[in-house]
Amino acid sequence: MDASMTTEPAAPAKPVSNFNLANRLTAARFGLAGLMVWAFVAYGFQPVGRWLEVGFFALAMATDFLDGRVARSRNLVTELGKHLDPLADKATMVPAVVALAWFGVLPWWAVAVIVLRDAWVTLLRRLVHSRGYGTIPATRLGKIKTGVLTAMILLYLVPVETVLPLGDAWLVLRQTLMWAV
């Protein structure tokens, strides 16, 4: 028998570590969300606090953008990452919208809609997973919702009126994004 015709079993794929770069980016989002909450408590809605809150929120959302790309491009997708990513999103978004309502710039009913929708989706994901159907992947519509919510939160946080005075145009844009979410 020719040696070139023998087939040896392929080496098993090396398991992906849960402590990979993608999951560390997701974990960083939890830390950035904590720093954002600290800024809300320490500085309230004063301009310096708003800029800190914008910075922490923007960095957190940048990790949301990067973690999935890194995981897919480097073959680092893990079950842990699939579960932690949506939780990190909620740990970032929920305190932001609650703080905006607390400071009187976002209506509480909008916070209720956002939080209840996210709770419903999370519950549905957990139920499907617990029944053995796997993890529900993020959809294009969900990513669009996250992008619109991110833009809305940033427009409410950034003291845009001090940067670019456009009068009621900012209010209209903020309100439009709130209704889109």
C-alpha atoms as a PDB file:
ATOM      1  CA  MET A   1       0.000   0.000   0.000  1.00  0.00           C
ATOM      2  CA  ASP A   2       1.281   3.407  -0.965  1.00  0.00           C
ATOM      3  CA  ALA A   3       2.067   5.660   2.001  1.00  0.00           C
ATOM      4  CA  SER A   4       0.420   8.613   0.265  1.00  0.00           C
ATOM      5  CA  MET A   5      -2.885   6.759   0.234  1.00  0.00           C
ATOM      6  CA  THR A   6      -3.127   6.225   3.971  1.00  0.00           C
ATOM      7  CA  THR A   7      -5.390   8.530   5.791  1.00  0.00           C
ATOM      8  CA  GLU A   8      -4.582   9.374   9.320  1.00  0.00           C
ATOM      9  CA  PRO A   9      -7.260  10.807  11.530  1.00  0.00           C
ATOM     10  CA  ALA A  10      -7.137  14.574  11.758  1.00  0.00           C
ATOM     11  CA  ALA A  11      -5.923  16.010  14.993  1.00  0.00           C
ATOM     12  CA  PRO A  12      -8.812  17.180  17.145  1.00  0.00           C
ATOM     13  CA  ALA A  13      -9.404  20.901  17.045  1.00  0.00           C
ATOM     14  CA  LYS A  14      -7.844  22.754  19.925  1.00  0.00           C
ATOM     15  CA  PRO A  15     -10.607  24.005  22.229  1.00  0.00           C
ATOM     16  CA  VAL A  16     -11.002  27.761  22.352  1.00  0.00           C
ATOM     17  CA  SER A  17     -10.157  29.279  25.712  1.00  0.00           C
ATOM     18  CA  ASN A  18     -12.882  31.223  27.462  1.00  0.00           C
ATOM     19  CA  PHE A  19     -10.160  33.712  28.424  1.00  0.00           C
ATOM     20  CA  ASN A  20      -9.620  34.835  24.840  1.00  0.00           C
ATOM     21  CA  LEU A  21      -9.390  38.385  23.476  1.00  0.00           C
ATOM     22  CA  ALA A  22     -13.040  38.531  22.379  1.00  0.00           C
ATOM     23  CA  ASN A  23     -14.341  37.495  25.804  1.00  0.00           C
ATOM     24  CA  ARG A  24     -11.920  39.887  27.515  1.00  0.00           C
ATOM     25  CA  LEU A  25     -13.357  42.723  25.411  1.00  0.00           C
ATOM     26  CA  THR A  26     -16.837  41.671  26.530  1.00  0.00           C
ATOM     27  CA  ALA A  27     -15.668  41.579  30.159  1.00  0.00           C
ATOM     28  CA  ALA A  28     -14.180  45.059  29.741  1.00  0.00           C
ATOM     29  CA  ARG A  29     -17.667  46.282  28.826  1.00  0.00           C
ATOM     30  CA  PHE A  30     -18.902  45.288  32.297  1.00  0.00           C
ATOM     31  CA  GLY A  31     -16.079  47.335  33.843  1.00  0.00           C
ATOM     32  CA  LEU A  32     -16.770  50.325  31.597  1.00  0.00           C
ATOM     33  CA  ALA A  33     -20.469  50.121  32.491  1.00  0.00           C
ATOM     34  CA  GLY A  34     -19.464  50.274  36.165  1.00  0.00           C
ATOM     35  CA  LEU A  35     -17.313  53.340  35.525  1.00  0.00           C
ATOM     36  CA  MET A  36     -20.212  54.949  33.667  1.00  0.00           C
ATOM     37  CA  VAL A  37     -22.505  54.344  36.664  1.00  0.00           C
ATOM     38  CA  TRP A  38     -19.821  55.821  38.943  1.00  0.00           C
ATOM     39  CA  ALA A  39     -19.723  58.960  36.747  1.00  0.00           C
ATOM     40  CA  PHE A  40     -23.527  59.242  36.905  1.00  0.00           C
ATOM     41  CA  VAL A  41     -23.453  59.035  40.706  1.00  0.00           C
ATOM     42  CA  ALA A  42     -20.391  61.257  41.209  1.00  0.00           C
ATOM     43  CA  TYR A  43     -21.132  63.996  38.690  1.00  0.00           C
ATOM     44  CA  GLY A  44     -24.821  63.750  37.850  1.00  0.00           C
ATOM     45  CA  PHE A  45     -25.800  65.544  34.685  1.00  0.00           C
ATOM     46  CA  GLN A  46     -23.198  68.294  34.930  1.00  0.00           C
ATOM     47  CA  PRO A  47     -21.172  68.884  31.731  1.00  0.00           C
ATOM     48  CA  VAL A  48     -17.938  67.324  33.048  1.00  0.00           C
ATOM     49  CA  GLY A  49     -19.886  64.267  34.180  1.00  0.00           C
ATOM     50  CA  ARG A  50     -21.692  64.021  30.865  1.00  0.00           C
ATOM     51  CA  TRP A  51     -18.370  63.970  28.997  1.00  0.00           C
ATOM     52  CA  LEU A  52     -17.060  61.210  31.306  1.00  0.00           C
ATOM     53  CA  GLU A  53     -20.292  59.263  30.847  1.00  0.00           C
ATOM     54  CA  VAL A  54     -20.036  59.680  27.066  1.00  0.00           C
ATOM     55  CA  GLY A  55     -16.446  58.444  27.137  1.00  0.00           C
ATOM     56  CA  PHE A  56     -17.196  55.339  29.194  1.00  0.00           C
ATOM     57  CA  PHE A  57     -20.359  54.577  27.228  1.00  0.00           C
ATOM     58  CA  ALA A  58     -18.659  55.070  23.842  1.00  0.00           C
ATOM     59  CA  LEU A  59     -15.728  52.843  24.846  1.00  0.00           C
ATOM     60  CA  ALA A  60     -18.137  50.186  26.097  1.00  0.00           C
ATOM     61  CA  MET A  61     -20.067  50.239  22.838  1.00  0.00           C
ATOM     62  CA  ALA A  62     -16.799  50.089  20.880  1.00  0.00           C
ATOM     63  CA  THR A  63     -16.007  46.830  22.693  1.00  0.00           C
ATOM     64  CA  ASP A  64     -19.465  45.596  21.667  1.00  0.00           C
ATOM     65  CA  PHE A  65     -18.563  46.279  18.055  1.00  0.00           C
ATOM     66  CA  LEU A  66     -15.105  44.720  18.358  1.00  0.00           C
ATOM     67  CA  ASP A  67     -15.712  41.594  20.435  1.00  0.00           C
ATOM     68  CA  GLY A  68     -17.903  39.863  17.868  1.00  0.00           C
ATOM     69  CA  ARG A  69     -15.619  40.791  14.981  1.00  0.00           C
ATOM     70  CA  VAL A  70     -12.574  39.514  16.843  1.00  0.00           C
ATOM     71  CA  ALA A  71     -14.347  36.305  17.853  1.00  0.00           C
ATOM     72  CA  ARG A  72     -15.475  35.516  14.306  1.00  0.00           C
ATOM     73  CA  SER A  73     -12.302  36.588  12.492  1.00  0.00           C
ATOM     74  CA  ARG A  74      -9.999  34.655  14.840  1.00  0.00           C
ATOM     75  CA  ASN A  75     -12.296  31.693  15.387  1.00  0.00           C
ATOM     76  CA  LEU A  76     -12.681  32.543  19.081  1.00  0.00           C
ATOM     77  CA  VAL A  77     -16.451  32.091  19.384  1.00  0.00           C
ATOM     78  CA  THR A  78     -17.376  30.411  22.678  1.00  0.00           C
ATOM     79  CA  GLU A  79     -20.621  29.544  24.400  1.00  0.00           C
ATOM     80  CA  LEU A  80     -19.546  31.776  27.271  1.00  0.00           C
ATOM     81  CA  GLY A  81     -19.097  34.693  24.872  1.00  0.00           C
ATOM     82  CA  LYS A  82     -22.496  34.063  23.300  1.00  0.00           C
ATOM     83  CA  HIS A  83     -24.083  34.366  26.744  1.00  0.00           C
ATOM     84  CA  LEU A  84     -21.978  37.195  28.170  1.00  0.00           C
ATOM     85  CA  ASP A  85     -22.234  39.543  25.173  1.00  0.00           C
ATOM     86  CA  PRO A  86     -25.972  40.276  25.465  1.00  0.00           C
ATOM     87  CA  LEU A  87     -25.650  40.589  29.247  1.00  0.00           C
ATOM     88  CA  ALA A  88     -22.819  43.094  28.832  1.00  0.00           C
ATOM     89  CA  ASP A  89     -25.036  45.039  26.418  1.00  0.00           C
ATOM     90  CA  LYS A  90     -27.752  45.232  29.041  1.00  0.00           C
ATOM     91  CA  ALA A  91     -25.253  46.126  31.779  1.00  0.00           C
ATOM     92  CA  THR A  92     -24.268  49.108  29.626  1.00  0.00           C
ATOM     93  CA  MET A  93     -27.613  50.199  28.161  1.00  0.00           C
ATOM     94  CA  VAL A  94     -29.953  49.815  31.141  1.00  0.00           C
ATOM     95  CA  PRO A  95     -28.017  52.046  33.583  1.00  0.00           C
ATOM     96  CA  ALA A  96     -27.613  54.650  30.838  1.00  0.00           C
ATOM     97  CA  VAL A  97     -31.335  54.913  30.064  1.00  0.00           C
ATOM     98  CA  VAL A  98     -32.279  54.747  33.761  1.00  0.00           C
ATOM     99  CA  ALA A  99     -29.852  57.596  34.516  1.00  0.00           C
ATOM    100  CA  LEU A 100     -31.243  59.645  31.630  1.00  0.00           C
ATOM    101  CA  ALA A 101     -34.739  59.220  33.050  1.00  0.00           C
ATOM    102  CA  TRP A 102     -33.497  59.945  36.586  1.00  0.00           C
ATOM    103  CA  PHE A 103     -32.040  63.242  35.346  1.00  0.00           C
ATOM    104  CA  GLY A 104     -35.349  64.045  33.658  1.00  0.00           C
ATOM    105  CA  VAL A 105     -34.239  63.988  30.038  1.00  0.00           C
ATOM    106  CA  LEU A 106     -35.808  60.687  28.989  1.00  0.00           C
ATOM    107  CA  PRO A 107     -39.382  59.709  29.901  1.00  0.00           C
ATOM    108  CA  TRP A 108     -39.762  56.782  32.287  1.00  0.00           C
ATOM    109  CA  TRP A 109     -42.208  55.065  29.925  1.00  0.00           C
ATOM    110  CA  ALA A 110     -39.425  54.892  27.308  1.00  0.00           C
ATOM    111  CA  VAL A 111     -37.114  53.298  29.873  1.00  0.00           C
ATOM    112  CA  ALA A 112     -39.840  50.773  30.716  1.00  0.00           C
ATOM    113  CA  VAL A 113     -40.286  49.866  27.035  1.00  0.00           C
ATOM    114  CA  ILE A 114     -36.524  49.464  26.493  1.00  0.00           C
ATOM    115  CA  VAL A 115     -35.930  47.457  29.671  1.00  0.00           C
ATOM    116  CA  LEU A 116     -39.016  45.235  29.291  1.00  0.00           C
ATOM    117  CA  ARG A 117     -38.176  44.496  25.649  1.00  0.00           C
ATOM    118  CA  ASP A 118     -34.620  43.506  26.604  1.00  0.00           C
ATOM    119  CA  ALA A 119     -35.865  41.422  29.538  1.00  0.00           C
ATOM    120  CA  TRP A 120     -38.318  39.635  27.238  1.00  0.00           C
ATOM    121  CA  VAL A 121     -35.622  38.862  24.646  1.00  0.00           C
ATOM    122  CA  THR A 122     -33.251  37.642  27.379  1.00  0.00           C
ATOM    123  CA  LEU A 123     -35.923  35.414  28.884  1.00  0.00           C
ATOM    124  CA  LEU A 124     -36.773  34.011  25.463  1.00  0.00           C
ATOM    125  CA  ARG A 125     -33.094  33.292  24.729  1.00  0.00           C
ATOM    126  CA  ARG A 126     -32.669  31.503  28.073  1.00  0.00           C
ATOM    127  CA  LEU A 127     -35.834  29.461  27.535  1.00  0.00           C
ATOM    128  CA  VAL A 128     -34.795  28.354  24.046  1.00  0.00           C
ATOM    129  CA  HIS A 129     -31.308  27.470  25.280  1.00  0.00           C
ATOM    130  CA  SER A 130     -32.624  25.557  28.312  1.00  0.00           C
ATOM    131  CA  ARG A 131     -34.799  23.447  26.010  1.00  0.00           C
ATOM    132  CA  GLY A 132     -31.703  22.313  24.125  1.00  0.00           C
ATOM    133  CA  TYR A 133     -32.186  24.368  20.966  1.00  0.00           C
ATOM    134  CA  GLY A 134     -28.860  26.168  21.272  1.00  0.00           C
ATOM    135  CA  THR A 135     -28.154  29.851  21.456  1.00  0.00           C
ATOM    136  CA  ILE A 136     -30.238  32.283  19.438  1.00  0.00           C
ATOM    137  CA  PRO A 137     -27.773  34.353  17.409  1.00  0.00           C
ATOM    138  CA  ALA A 138     -28.015  38.118  17.212  1.00  0.00           C
ATOM    139  CA  THR A 139     -30.084  39.254  14.253  1.00  0.00           C
ATOM    140  CA  ARG A 140     -29.550  42.151  11.894  1.00  0.00           C
ATOM    141  CA  LEU A 141     -32.630  43.866  13.357  1.00  0.00           C
ATOM    142  CA  GLY A 142     -31.219  43.479  16.868  1.00  0.00           C
ATOM    143  CA  LYS A 143     -27.927  45.030  15.767  1.00  0.00           C
ATOM    144  CA  ILE A 144     -29.799  47.930  14.163  1.00  0.00           C
ATOM    145  CA  LYS A 145     -31.766  48.410  17.401  1.00  0.00           C
ATOM    146  CA  THR A 146     -28.527  48.481  19.376  1.00  0.00           C
ATOM    147  CA  GLY A 147     -27.039  51.022  16.966  1.00  0.00           C
ATOM    148  CA  VAL A 148     -30.081  53.297  17.153  1.00  0.00           C
ATOM    149  CA  LEU A 149     -30.241  53.005  20.956  1.00  0.00           C
ATOM    150  CA  THR A 150     -26.517  53.768  21.173  1.00  0.00           C
ATOM    151  CA  ALA A 151     -26.947  56.867  18.994  1.00  0.00           C
ATOM    152  CA  MET A 152     -29.937  57.990  21.069  1.00  0.00           C
ATOM    153  CA  ILE A 153     -28.082  57.586  24.375  1.00  0.00           C
ATOM    154  CA  LEU A 154     -25.029  59.417  23.040  1.00  0.00           C
ATOM    155  CA  LEU A 155     -27.160  62.300  21.765  1.00  0.00           C
ATOM    156  CA  TYR A 156     -28.822  62.609  25.163  1.00  0.00           C
ATOM    157  CA  LEU A 157     -25.508  62.389  27.035  1.00  0.00           C
ATOM    158  CA  VAL A 158     -23.318  64.645  24.914  1.00  0.00           C
ATOM    159  CA  PRO A 159     -23.907  68.252  25.901  1.00  0.00           C
ATOM    160  CA  VAL A 160     -24.382  69.007  22.206  1.00  0.00           C
ATOM    161  CA  GLU A 161     -25.954  72.349  22.915  1.00  0.00           C
ATOM    162  CA  THR A 162     -22.568  73.552  24.194  1.00  0.00           C
ATOM    163  CA  VAL A 163     -20.674  72.138  21.216  1.00  0.00           C
ATOM    164  CA  LEU A 164     -22.940  72.974  18.306  1.00  0.00           C
ATOM    165  CA  PRO A 165     -25.883  75.227  19.164  1.00  0.00           C
ATOM    166  CA  LEU A 166     -28.654  74.124  16.835  1.00  0.00           C
ATOM    167  CA  GLY A 167     -31.564  74.896  19.119  1.00  0.00           C
ATOM    168  CA  ASP A 168     -34.510  72.531  18.831  1.00  0.00           C
ATOM    169  CA  ALA A 169     -32.855  70.441  16.114  1.00  0.00           C
ATOM    170  CA  TRP A 170     -31.113  68.372  18.818  1.00  0.00           C
ATOM    171  CA  LEU A 171     -34.391  67.826  20.637  1.00  0.00           C
ATOM    172  CA  VAL A 172     -36.086  66.671  17.433  1.00  0.00           C
ATOM    173  CA  LEU A 173     -33.233  64.276  16.605  1.00  0.00           C
ATOM    174  CA  ARG A 174     -33.167  62.861  20.145  1.00  0.00           C
ATOM    175  CA  GLN A 175     -36.927  62.381  20.198  1.00  0.00           C
ATOM    176  CA  THR A 176     -36.913  60.759  16.755  1.00  0.00           C
ATOM    177  CA  LEU A 177     -34.306  58.221  17.852  1.00  0.00           C
ATOM    178  CA  MET A 178     -36.208  57.548  21.091  1.00  0.00           C
ATOM    179  CA  TRP A 179     -39.343  56.677  19.095  1.00  0.00           C
ATOM    180  CA  ALA A 180     -37.288  54.542  16.685  1.00  0.00           C
ATOM    181  CA  VAL A 181     -35.996  52.382  19.525  1.00  0.00           C
END
